[in-house]
Amino acid sequence: KLPQNSPWKCPMDAVFFDASVIWGLVGPRRIFGNLGEYGMVNWFFA
């Protein structure tokens, strides 16, 4: 909703919000688990 050159876009809060969607609202099972397409990313743990 803000104009292109607005100084109030809050990049740090935007990343935090996106993380709450990925891990909280949708959940890792639908993104990084057996229901999601990014499951191979879990191999980074190993």
All heavy atoms as atom14 arrays in JSON, in Angstrom:
{
  "sequence": "KLPQNSPWKCPMDAVFFDASVIWGLVGPRRIFGNLGEYGMVNWFFA",
  "atom14_mask": [
    [1, 1, 1, 1, 1, 1, 1, 1, 1, 0, 0, 0, 0, 0],
    [1, 1, 1, 1, 1, 1, 1, 1, 0, 0, 0, 0, 0, 0],
    [1, 1, 1, 1, 1, 1, 1, 0, 0, 0, 0, 0, 0, 0],
    [1, 1, 1, 1, 1, 1, 1, 1, 1, 0, 0, 0, 0, 0],
    [1, 1, 1, 1, 1, 1, 1, 1, 0, 0, 0, 0, 0, 0],
    [1, 1, 1, 1, 1, 1, 0, 0, 0, 0, 0, 0, 0, 0],
    [1, 1, 1, 1, 1, 1, 1, 0, 0, 0, 0, 0, 0, 0],
    [1, 1, 1, 1, 1, 1, 1, 1, 1, 1, 1, 1, 1, 1],
    [1, 1, 1, 1, 1, 1, 1, 1, 1, 0, 0, 0, 0, 0],
    [1, 1, 1, 1, 1, 1, 0, 0, 0, 0, 0, 0, 0, 0],
    [1, 1, 1, 1, 1, 1, 1, 0, 0, 0, 0, 0, 0, 0],
    [1, 1, 1, 1, 1, 1, 1, 1, 0, 0, 0, 0, 0, 0],
    [1, 1, 1, 1, 1, 1, 1, 1, 0, 0, 0, 0, 0, 0],
    [1, 1, 1, 1, 1, 0, 0, 0, 0, 0, 0, 0, 0, 0],
    [1, 1, 1, 1, 1, 1, 1, 0, 0, 0, 0, 0, 0, 0],
    [1, 1, 1, 1, 1, 1, 1, 1, 1, 1, 1, 0, 0, 0],
    [1, 1, 1, 1, 1, 1, 1, 1, 1, 1, 1, 0, 0, 0],
    [1, 1, 1, 1, 1, 1, 1, 1, 0, 0, 0, 0, 0, 0],
    [1, 1, 1, 1, 1, 0, 0, 0, 0, 0, 0, 0, 0, 0],
    [1, 1, 1, 1, 1, 1, 0, 0, 0, 0, 0, 0, 0, 0],
    [1, 1, 1, 1, 1, 1, 1, 0, 0, 0, 0, 0, 0, 0],
    [1, 1, 1, 1, 1, 1, 1, 1, 0, 0, 0, 0, 0, 0],
    [1, 1, 1, 1, 1, 1, 1, 1, 1, 1, 1, 1, 1, 1],
    [1, 1, 1, 1, 0, 0, 0, 0, 0, 0, 0, 0, 0, 0],
    [1, 1, 1, 1, 1, 1, 1, 1, 0, 0, 0, 0, 0, 0],
    [1, 1, 1, 1, 1, 1, 1, 0, 0, 0, 0, 0, 0, 0],
    [1, 1, 1, 1, 0, 0, 0, 0, 0, 0, 0, 0, 0, 0],
    [1, 1, 1, 1, 1, 1, 1, 0, 0, 0, 0, 0, 0, 0],
    [1, 1, 1, 1, 1, 1, 1, 1, 1, 1, 1, 0, 0, 0],
    [1, 1, 1, 1, 1, 1, 1, 1, 1, 1, 1, 0, 0, 0],
    [1, 1, 1, 1, 1, 1, 1, 1, 0, 0, 0, 0, 0, 0],
    [1, 1, 1, 1, 1, 1, 1, 1, 1, 1, 1, 0, 0, 0],
    [1, 1, 1, 1, 0, 0, 0, 0, 0, 0, 0, 0, 0, 0],
    [1, 1, 1, 1, 1, 1, 1, 1, 0, 0, 0, 0, 0, 0],
    [1, 1, 1, 1, 1, 1, 1, 1, 0, 0, 0, 0, 0, 0],
    [1, 1, 1, 1, 0, 0, 0, 0, 0, 0, 0, 0, 0, 0],
    [1, 1, 1, 1, 1, 1, 1, 1, 1, 0, 0, 0, 0, 0],
    [1, 1, 1, 1, 1, 1, 1, 1, 1, 1, 1, 1, 0, 0],
    [1, 1, 1, 1, 0, 0, 0, 0, 0, 0, 0, 0, 0, 0],
    [1, 1, 1, 1, 1, 1, 1, 1, 0, 0, 0, 0, 0, 0],
    [1, 1, 1, 1, 1, 1, 1, 0, 0, 0, 0, 0, 0, 0],
    [1, 1, 1, 1, 1, 1, 1, 1, 0, 0, 0, 0, 0, 0],
    [1, 1, 1, 1, 1, 1, 1, 1, 1, 1, 1, 1, 1, 1],
    [1, 1, 1, 1, 1, 1, 1, 1, 1, 1, 1, 0, 0, 0],
    [1, 1, 1, 1, 1, 1, 1, 1, 1, 1, 1, 0, 0, 0],
    [1, 1, 1, 1, 1, 0, 0, 0, 0, 0, 0, 0, 0, 0]
  ],
  "atom14_positions": [
    [[0.81, -1.22, 0.0], [0.0, 0.0, 0.0], [0.84, 1.27, 0.0], [0.31, 2.36, -0.24], [-0.93, 0.0, 1.21], [-1.96, -1.13, 1.19], [-2.9, -1.04, 2.39], [-3.95, -2.14, 2.35], [-4.89, -2.07, 3.5], [0.0, 0.0, 0.0], [0.0, 0.0, 0.0], [0.0, 0.0, 0.0], [0.0, 0.0, 0.0], [0.0, 0.0, 0.0]],
    [[2.12, 1.16, 0.3], [2.99, 2.33, 0.35], [3.52, 2.66, -1.04], [3.66, 1.78, -1.9], [4.18, 2.06, 1.29], [3.86, 1.99, 2.78], [5.05, 1.42, 3.55], [3.47, 3.35, 3.34], [0.0, 0.0, 0.0], [0.0, 0.0, 0.0], [0.0, 0.0, 0.0], [0.0, 0.0, 0.0], [0.0, 0.0, 0.0], [0.0, 0.0, 0.0]],
    [[3.83, 3.93, -1.31], [4.44, 4.28, -2.6], [5.82, 3.66, -2.76], [6.46, 3.26, -1.79], [4.51, 5.81, -2.55], [4.42, 6.16, -1.1], [3.6, 5.09, -0.46], [0.0, 0.0, 0.0], [0.0, 0.0, 0.0], [0.0, 0.0, 0.0], [0.0, 0.0, 0.0], [0.0, 0.0, 0.0], [0.0, 0.0, 0.0], [0.0, 0.0, 0.0]],
    [[6.28, 3.61, -4.01], [7.53, 2.93, -4.33], [8.71, 3.49, -3.55], [9.58, 2.75, -3.11], [7.81, 3.06, -5.84], [9.1, 2.39, -6.31], [9.05, 0.89, -6.2], [7.97, 0.3, -6.22], [10.2, 0.25, -6.08], [0.0, 0.0, 0.0], [0.0, 0.0, 0.0], [0.0, 0.0, 0.0], [0.0, 0.0, 0.0], [0.0, 0.0, 0.0]],
    [[8.74, 4.8, -3.38], [9.88, 5.43, -2.71], [9.63, 5.72, -1.24], [10.3, 6.55, -0.64], [10.27, 6.72, -3.44], [9.14, 7.75, -3.42], [8.01, 7.42, -3.07], [9.46, 8.98, -3.79], [0.0, 0.0, 0.0], [0.0, 0.0, 0.0], [0.0, 0.0, 0.0], [0.0, 0.0, 0.0], [0.0, 0.0, 0.0], [0.0, 0.0, 0.0]],
    [[8.66, 5.05, -0.62], [8.36, 5.29, 0.79], [9.53, 4.88, 1.69], [10.15, 3.84, 1.48], [7.12, 4.51, 1.21], [6.92, 4.58, 2.61], [0.0, 0.0, 0.0], [0.0, 0.0, 0.0], [0.0, 0.0, 0.0], [0.0, 0.0, 0.0], [0.0, 0.0, 0.0], [0.0, 0.0, 0.0], [0.0, 0.0, 0.0], [0.0, 0.0, 0.0]],
    [[9.83, 5.68, 2.72], [10.91, 5.32, 3.64], [10.46, 4.41, 4.78], [11.23, 4.15, 5.69], [11.35, 6.68, 4.19], [10.1, 7.49, 4.19], [9.3, 7.04, 2.99], [0.0, 0.0, 0.0], [0.0, 0.0, 0.0], [0.0, 0.0, 0.0], [0.0, 0.0, 0.0], [0.0, 0.0, 0.0], [0.0, 0.0, 0.0], [0.0, 0.0, 0.0]],
    [[9.2, 3.9, 4.73], [8.65, 3.17, 5.87], [8.27, 1.73, 5.52], [7.2, 1.27, 5.87], [7.42, 3.91, 6.43], [7.69, 5.32, 6.8], [7.23, 6.43, 6.18], [8.49, 5.78, 7.9], [7.69, 7.57, 6.8], [8.47, 7.19, 7.88], [9.23, 5.13, 8.9], [9.16, 7.96, 8.8], [9.91, 5.9, 9.82], [9.87, 7.29, 9.77]],
    [[9.15, 1.01, 4.83], [8.83, -0.35, 4.38], [9.27, -1.44, 5.34], [8.98, -2.62, 5.13], [9.42, -0.59, 3.0], [8.75, 0.25, 1.92], [9.24, -0.12, 0.53], [8.53, 0.71, -0.53], [8.99, 0.38, -1.89], [0.0, 0.0, 0.0], [0.0, 0.0, 0.0], [0.0, 0.0, 0.0], [0.0, 0.0, 0.0], [0.0, 0.0, 0.0]],
    [[10.03, -1.11, 6.36], [10.33, -2.02, 7.48], [10.88, -3.38, 7.02], [10.22, -4.41, 7.21], [9.1, -2.26, 8.35], [8.07, -0.81, 8.67], [0.0, 0.0, 0.0], [0.0, 0.0, 0.0], [0.0, 0.0, 0.0], [0.0, 0.0, 0.0], [0.0, 0.0, 0.0], [0.0, 0.0, 0.0], [0.0, 0.0, 0.0], [0.0, 0.0, 0.0]],
    [[12.05, -3.44, 6.41], [12.55, -4.72, 5.88], [12.75, -5.79, 6.96], [12.52, -6.98, 6.7], [13.89, -4.34, 5.22], [14.28, -3.04, 5.85], [12.99, -2.34, 6.15], [0.0, 0.0, 0.0], [0.0, 0.0, 0.0], [0.0, 0.0, 0.0], [0.0, 0.0, 0.0], [0.0, 0.0, 0.0], [0.0, 0.0, 0.0], [0.0, 0.0, 0.0]],
    [[13.18, -5.4, 8.16], [13.4, -6.39, 9.21], [12.07, -6.98, 9.67], [11.97, -8.2, 9.9], [14.13, -5.74, 10.39], [15.46, -5.12, 10.04], [16.7, -6.31, 9.49], [17.09, -7.09, 11.05], [0.0, 0.0, 0.0], [0.0, 0.0, 0.0], [0.0, 0.0, 0.0], [0.0, 0.0, 0.0], [0.0, 0.0, 0.0], [0.0, 0.0, 0.0]],
    [[11.06, -6.14, 9.8], [9.74, -6.64, 10.2], [9.12, -7.5, 9.11], [8.38, -8.45, 9.4], [8.82, -5.46, 10.52], [9.25, -4.71, 11.76], [9.05, -5.22, 12.87], [9.81, -3.61, 11.62], [0.0, 0.0, 0.0], [0.0, 0.0, 0.0], [0.0, 0.0, 0.0], [0.0, 0.0, 0.0], [0.0, 0.0, 0.0], [0.0, 0.0, 0.0]],
    [[9.42, -7.17, 7.84], [8.89, -7.96, 6.73], [9.44, -9.38, 6.77], [8.7, -10.36, 6.55], [9.23, -7.29, 5.41], [0.0, 0.0, 0.0], [0.0, 0.0, 0.0], [0.0, 0.0, 0.0], [0.0, 0.0, 0.0], [0.0, 0.0, 0.0], [0.0, 0.0, 0.0], [0.0, 0.0, 0.0], [0.0, 0.0, 0.0], [0.0, 0.0, 0.0]],
    [[10.72, -9.53, 7.05], [11.32, -10.87, 7.15], [10.71, -11.63, 8.33], [10.42, -12.83, 8.23], [12.86, -10.76, 7.29], [13.47, -12.12, 7.59], [13.46, -10.19, 6.02], [0.0, 0.0, 0.0], [0.0, 0.0, 0.0], [0.0, 0.0, 0.0], [0.0, 0.0, 0.0], [0.0, 0.0, 0.0], [0.0, 0.0, 0.0], [0.0, 0.0, 0.0]],
    [[10.52, -10.94, 9.45], [9.92, -11.58, 10.62], [8.5, -12.05, 10.31], [8.09, -13.16, 10.68], [9.91, -10.58, 11.78], [9.45, -11.16, 13.09], [10.35, -11.75, 13.96], [8.12, -11.11, 13.47], [9.95, -12.28, 15.18], [7.7, -11.63, 14.68], [8.61, -12.22, 15.53], [0.0, 0.0, 0.0], [0.0, 0.0, 0.0], [0.0, 0.0, 0.0]],
    [[7.73, -11.22, 9.62], [6.37, -11.59, 9.24], [6.37, -12.8, 8.31], [5.59, -13.74, 8.5], [5.7, -10.39, 8.56], [4.4, -10.72, 7.88], [3.25, -10.96, 8.61], [4.33, -10.79, 6.49], [2.05, -11.26, 7.98], [3.14, -11.09, 5.85], [2.0, -11.32, 6.6], [0.0, 0.0, 0.0], [0.0, 0.0, 0.0], [0.0, 0.0, 0.0]],
    [[7.24, -12.79, 7.3], [7.31, -13.92, 6.37], [7.66, -15.21, 7.11], [7.11, -16.28, 6.82], [8.35, -13.64, 5.29], [7.92, -12.53, 4.35], [6.72, -12.22, 4.31], [8.79, -11.97, 3.66], [0.0, 0.0, 0.0], [0.0, 0.0, 0.0], [0.0, 0.0, 0.0], [0.0, 0.0, 0.0], [0.0, 0.0, 0.0], [0.0, 0.0, 0.0]],
    [[8.56, -15.1, 8.08], [8.93, -16.29, 8.86], [7.74, -16.8, 9.67], [7.55, -18.02, 9.8], [10.1, -15.96, 9.79], [0.0, 0.0, 0.0], [0.0, 0.0, 0.0], [0.0, 0.0, 0.0], [0.0, 0.0, 0.0], [0.0, 0.0, 0.0], [0.0, 0.0, 0.0], [0.0, 0.0, 0.0], [0.0, 0.0, 0.0], [0.0, 0.0, 0.0]],
    [[6.92, -15.88, 10.2], [5.75, -16.33, 10.98], [4.75, -17.05, 10.09], [4.04, -17.96, 10.54], [5.09, -15.13, 11.67], [4.36, -14.34, 10.75], [0.0, 0.0, 0.0], [0.0, 0.0, 0.0], [0.0, 0.0, 0.0], [0.0, 0.0, 0.0], [0.0, 0.0, 0.0], [0.0, 0.0, 0.0], [0.0, 0.0, 0.0], [0.0, 0.0, 0.0]],
    [[4.69, -16.67, 8.81], [3.81, -17.36, 7.87], [4.36, -18.74, 7.54], [3.64, -19.75, 7.58], [3.65, -16.52, 6.57], [2.86, -17.32, 5.53], [2.96, -15.2, 6.87], [0.0, 0.0, 0.0], [0.0, 0.0, 0.0], [0.0, 0.0, 0.0], [0.0, 0.0, 0.0], [0.0, 0.0, 0.0], [0.0, 0.0, 0.0], [0.0, 0.0, 0.0]],
    [[5.66, -18.8, 7.23], [6.29, -20.06, 6.82], [6.24, -21.09, 7.95], [5.82, -22.24, 7.75], [7.74, -19.8, 6.39], [7.77, -18.93, 5.12], [8.49, -21.12, 6.16], [9.14, -18.39, 4.79], [0.0, 0.0, 0.0], [0.0, 0.0, 0.0], [0.0, 0.0, 0.0], [0.0, 0.0, 0.0], [0.0, 0.0, 0.0], [0.0, 0.0, 0.0]],
    [[6.66, -20.68, 9.14], [6.83, -21.63, 10.23], [5.6, -21.72, 11.15], [5.39, -22.76, 11.77], [8.04, -21.24, 11.08], [9.3, -21.15, 10.3], [9.92, -20.01, 9.86], [10.1, -22.23, 9.84], [11.05, -20.32, 9.17], [11.2, -21.68, 9.14], [10.01, -23.62, 9.96], [12.18, -22.46, 8.56], [11.0, -24.4, 9.38], [12.07, -23.82, 8.69]],
    [[4.82, -20.64, 11.23], [3.7, -20.62, 12.15], [2.37, -20.86, 11.49], [1.66, -21.82, 11.8], [0.0, 0.0, 0.0], [0.0, 0.0, 0.0], [0.0, 0.0, 0.0], [0.0, 0.0, 0.0], [0.0, 0.0, 0.0], [0.0, 0.0, 0.0], [0.0, 0.0, 0.0], [0.0, 0.0, 0.0], [0.0, 0.0, 0.0], [0.0, 0.0, 0.0]],
    [[1.99, -19.98, 10.56], [0.66, -20.07, 9.95], [0.54, -21.31, 9.05], [-0.35, -22.14, 9.23], [0.38, -18.81, 9.14], [-0.99, -18.73, 8.47], [-2.1, -18.71, 9.51], [-1.08, -17.51, 7.56], [0.0, 0.0, 0.0], [0.0, 0.0, 0.0], [0.0, 0.0, 0.0], [0.0, 0.0, 0.0], [0.0, 0.0, 0.0], [0.0, 0.0, 0.0]],
    [[1.43, -21.44, 8.09], [1.39, -22.59, 7.17], [2.02, -23.81, 7.81], [1.5, -24.92, 7.75], [2.09, -22.23, 5.84], [2.1, -23.43, 4.91], [1.39, -21.04, 5.18], [0.0, 0.0, 0.0], [0.0, 0.0, 0.0], [0.0, 0.0, 0.0], [0.0, 0.0, 0.0], [0.0, 0.0, 0.0], [0.0, 0.0, 0.0], [0.0, 0.0, 0.0]],
    [[3.18, -23.63, 8.45], [3.84, -24.72, 9.16], [4.91, -25.4, 8.33], [4.78, -25.54, 7.11], [0.0, 0.0, 0.0], [0.0, 0.0, 0.0], [0.0, 0.0, 0.0], [0.0, 0.0, 0.0], [0.0, 0.0, 0.0], [0.0, 0.0, 0.0], [0.0, 0.0, 0.0], [0.0, 0.0, 0.0], [0.0, 0.0, 0.0], [0.0, 0.0, 0.0]],
    [[6.0, -25.84, 8.97], [7.11, -26.47, 8.24], [6.72, -27.77, 7.56], [7.35, -28.16, 6.57], [8.15, -26.69, 9.34], [7.4, -26.7, 10.62], [6.26, -25.76, 10.42], [0.0, 0.0, 0.0], [0.0, 0.0, 0.0], [0.0, 0.0, 0.0], [0.0, 0.0, 0.0], [0.0, 0.0, 0.0], [0.0, 0.0, 0.0], [0.0, 0.0, 0.0]],
    [[5.7, -28.47, 8.06], [5.31, -29.73, 7.42], [4.84, -29.49, 5.98], [5.08, -30.3, 5.1], [4.21, -30.42, 8.23], [3.88, -31.83, 7.76], [2.75, -32.42, 8.57], [3.08, -32.48, 9.99], [3.81, -33.46, 10.54], [4.27, -34.44, 9.79], [4.06, -33.44, 11.83], [0.0, 0.0, 0.0], [0.0, 0.0, 0.0], [0.0, 0.0, 0.0]],
    [[4.17, -28.35, 5.75], [3.66, -28.05, 4.41], [4.71, -27.41, 3.51], [4.47, -27.23, 2.31], [2.45, -27.1, 4.5], [1.21, -27.74, 5.11], [0.03, -26.78, 5.0], [-1.2, -27.39, 5.48], [-1.6, -27.35, 6.75], [-0.85, -26.71, 7.65], [-2.72, -27.93, 7.12], [0.0, 0.0, 0.0], [0.0, 0.0, 0.0], [0.0, 0.0, 0.0]],
    [[5.85, -27.0, 4.08], [6.88, -26.35, 3.28], [8.16, -27.18, 3.22], [8.69, -27.45, 2.15], [7.16, -24.93, 3.82], [5.9, -24.07, 3.65], [8.35, -24.29, 3.1], [6.04, -22.65, 4.1], [0.0, 0.0, 0.0], [0.0, 0.0, 0.0], [0.0, 0.0, 0.0], [0.0, 0.0, 0.0], [0.0, 0.0, 0.0], [0.0, 0.0, 0.0]],
    [[8.65, -27.62, 4.41], [9.9, -28.39, 4.46], [9.67, -29.86, 4.82], [10.62, -30.63, 4.89], [10.86, -27.77, 5.49], [11.31, -26.39, 5.12], [10.79, -25.28, 5.76], [12.25, -26.18, 4.12], [11.2, -23.99, 5.43], [12.67, -24.91, 3.78], [12.14, -23.81, 4.43], [0.0, 0.0, 0.0], [0.0, 0.0, 0.0], [0.0, 0.0, 0.0]],
    [[8.42, -30.24, 5.05], [8.12, -31.62, 5.44], [7.62, -32.45, 4.29], [7.81, -32.13, 3.11], [0.0, 0.0, 0.0], [0.0, 0.0, 0.0], [0.0, 0.0, 0.0], [0.0, 0.0, 0.0], [0.0, 0.0, 0.0], [0.0, 0.0, 0.0], [0.0, 0.0, 0.0], [0.0, 0.0, 0.0], [0.0, 0.0, 0.0], [0.0, 0.0, 0.0]],
    [[6.92, -33.54, 4.63], [6.46, -34.47, 3.6], [5.33, -33.9, 2.75], [4.99, -34.48, 1.71], [6.02, -35.79, 4.26], [4.96, -35.58, 5.34], [4.62, -34.44, 5.66], [4.45, -36.66, 5.89], [0.0, 0.0, 0.0], [0.0, 0.0, 0.0], [0.0, 0.0, 0.0], [0.0, 0.0, 0.0], [0.0, 0.0, 0.0], [0.0, 0.0, 0.0]],
    [[4.74, -32.77, 3.17], [3.68, -32.15, 2.39], [4.19, -30.99, 1.54], [3.42, -30.37, 0.81], [2.56, -31.64, 3.31], [1.87, -32.69, 4.2], [0.82, -32.02, 5.09], [1.23, -33.78, 3.35], [0.0, 0.0, 0.0], [0.0, 0.0, 0.0], [0.0, 0.0, 0.0], [0.0, 0.0, 0.0], [0.0, 0.0, 0.0], [0.0, 0.0, 0.0]],
    [[5.46, -30.66, 1.63], [6.01, -29.51, 0.93], [7.05, -29.9, -0.09], [7.54, -31.03, -0.12], [0.0, 0.0, 0.0], [0.0, 0.0, 0.0], [0.0, 0.0, 0.0], [0.0, 0.0, 0.0], [0.0, 0.0, 0.0], [0.0, 0.0, 0.0], [0.0, 0.0, 0.0], [0.0, 0.0, 0.0], [0.0, 0.0, 0.0], [0.0, 0.0, 0.0]],
    [[7.41, -28.92, -0.93], [8.36, -29.19, -2.0], [9.81, -28.87, -1.61], [10.71, -29.11, -2.41], [7.99, -28.38, -3.24], [8.02, -26.88, -3.05], [7.7, -26.15, -4.36], [8.58, -26.17, -5.25], [6.6, -25.59, -4.47], [0.0, 0.0, 0.0], [0.0, 0.0, 0.0], [0.0, 0.0, 0.0], [0.0, 0.0, 0.0], [0.0, 0.0, 0.0]],
    [[10.04, -28.33, -0.4], [11.4, -27.96, 0.0], [11.99, -28.95, 1.0], [12.87, -28.6, 1.78], [11.4, -26.55, 0.61], [10.91, -25.48, -0.34], [9.6, -25.03, -0.28], [11.76, -24.95, -1.31], [9.13, -24.05, -1.14], [11.3, -23.97, -2.18], [9.98, -23.53, -2.1], [9.54, -22.57, -2.97], [0.0, 0.0, 0.0], [0.0, 0.0, 0.0]],
    [[11.53, -30.2, 0.97], [11.97, -31.2, 1.94], [13.45, -31.51, 1.88], [14.08, -31.82, 2.89], [0.0, 0.0, 0.0], [0.0, 0.0, 0.0], [0.0, 0.0, 0.0], [0.0, 0.0, 0.0], [0.0, 0.0, 0.0], [0.0, 0.0, 0.0], [0.0, 0.0, 0.0], [0.0, 0.0, 0.0], [0.0, 0.0, 0.0], [0.0, 0.0, 0.0]],
    [[14.05, -31.42, 0.7], [15.47, -31.74, 0.56], [16.36, -30.78, 1.33], [17.52, -31.1, 1.63], [15.86, -31.73, -0.93], [15.16, -32.8, -1.76], [15.58, -34.48, -1.21], [17.31, -34.55, -1.7], [0.0, 0.0, 0.0], [0.0, 0.0, 0.0], [0.0, 0.0, 0.0], [0.0, 0.0, 0.0], [0.0, 0.0, 0.0], [0.0, 0.0, 0.0]],
    [[15.83, -29.6, 1.67], [16.62, -28.61, 2.41], [17.01, -29.16, 3.79], [18.02, -28.75, 4.36], [15.83, -27.29, 2.54], [16.57, -26.28, 3.42], [15.59, -26.69, 1.16], [0.0, 0.0, 0.0], [0.0, 0.0, 0.0], [0.0, 0.0, 0.0], [0.0, 0.0, 0.0], [0.0, 0.0, 0.0], [0.0, 0.0, 0.0], [0.0, 0.0, 0.0]],
    [[16.25, -30.13, 4.31], [16.56, -30.69, 5.62], [17.91, -31.41, 5.66], [18.47, -31.62, 6.73], [15.46, -31.66, 6.05], [14.17, -30.95, 6.4], [14.1, -30.24, 7.39], [13.14, -31.13, 5.59], [0.0, 0.0, 0.0], [0.0, 0.0, 0.0], [0.0, 0.0, 0.0], [0.0, 0.0, 0.0], [0.0, 0.0, 0.0], [0.0, 0.0, 0.0]],
    [[18.42, -31.8, 4.5], [19.73, -32.46, 4.47], [20.86, -31.52, 4.9], [21.96, -31.97, 5.2], [20.0, -33.01, 3.07], [19.23, -34.27, 2.78], [18.09, -34.4, 2.05], [19.54, -35.58, 3.27], [17.66, -35.7, 2.03], [18.54, -36.47, 2.78], [20.54, -36.11, 4.08], [18.53, -37.82, 3.06], [20.54, -37.46, 4.36], [19.54, -38.3, 3.85]],
    [[20.58, -30.21, 4.93], [21.59, -29.28, 5.41], [21.95, -29.55, 6.87], [23.08, -29.27, 7.29], [21.1, -27.83, 5.25], [21.27, -27.27, 3.87], [20.33, -27.5, 2.88], [22.38, -26.49, 3.57], [20.48, -26.96, 1.61], [22.55, -25.95, 2.3], [21.59, -26.19, 1.32], [0.0, 0.0, 0.0], [0.0, 0.0, 0.0], [0.0, 0.0, 0.0]],
    [[21.0, -30.06, 7.65], [21.32, -30.41, 9.04], [22.49, -31.4, 9.08], [23.44, -31.24, 9.87], [20.1, -31.03, 9.73], [19.1, -30.05, 10.24], [17.82, -30.01, 9.72], [19.43, -29.15, 11.24], [16.88, -29.11, 10.19], [18.49, -28.24, 11.72], [17.21, -28.22, 11.19], [0.0, 0.0, 0.0], [0.0, 0.0, 0.0], [0.0, 0.0, 0.0]],
    [[22.41, -32.44, 8.26], [23.48, -33.45, 8.24], [24.79, -32.87, 7.73], [25.87, -33.14, 8.29], [23.04, -34.63, 7.37], [0.0, 0.0, 0.0], [0.0, 0.0, 0.0], [0.0, 0.0, 0.0], [0.0, 0.0, 0.0], [0.0, 0.0, 0.0], [0.0, 0.0, 0.0], [0.0, 0.0, 0.0], [0.0, 0.0, 0.0], [0.0, 0.0, 0.0]]
  ]
}
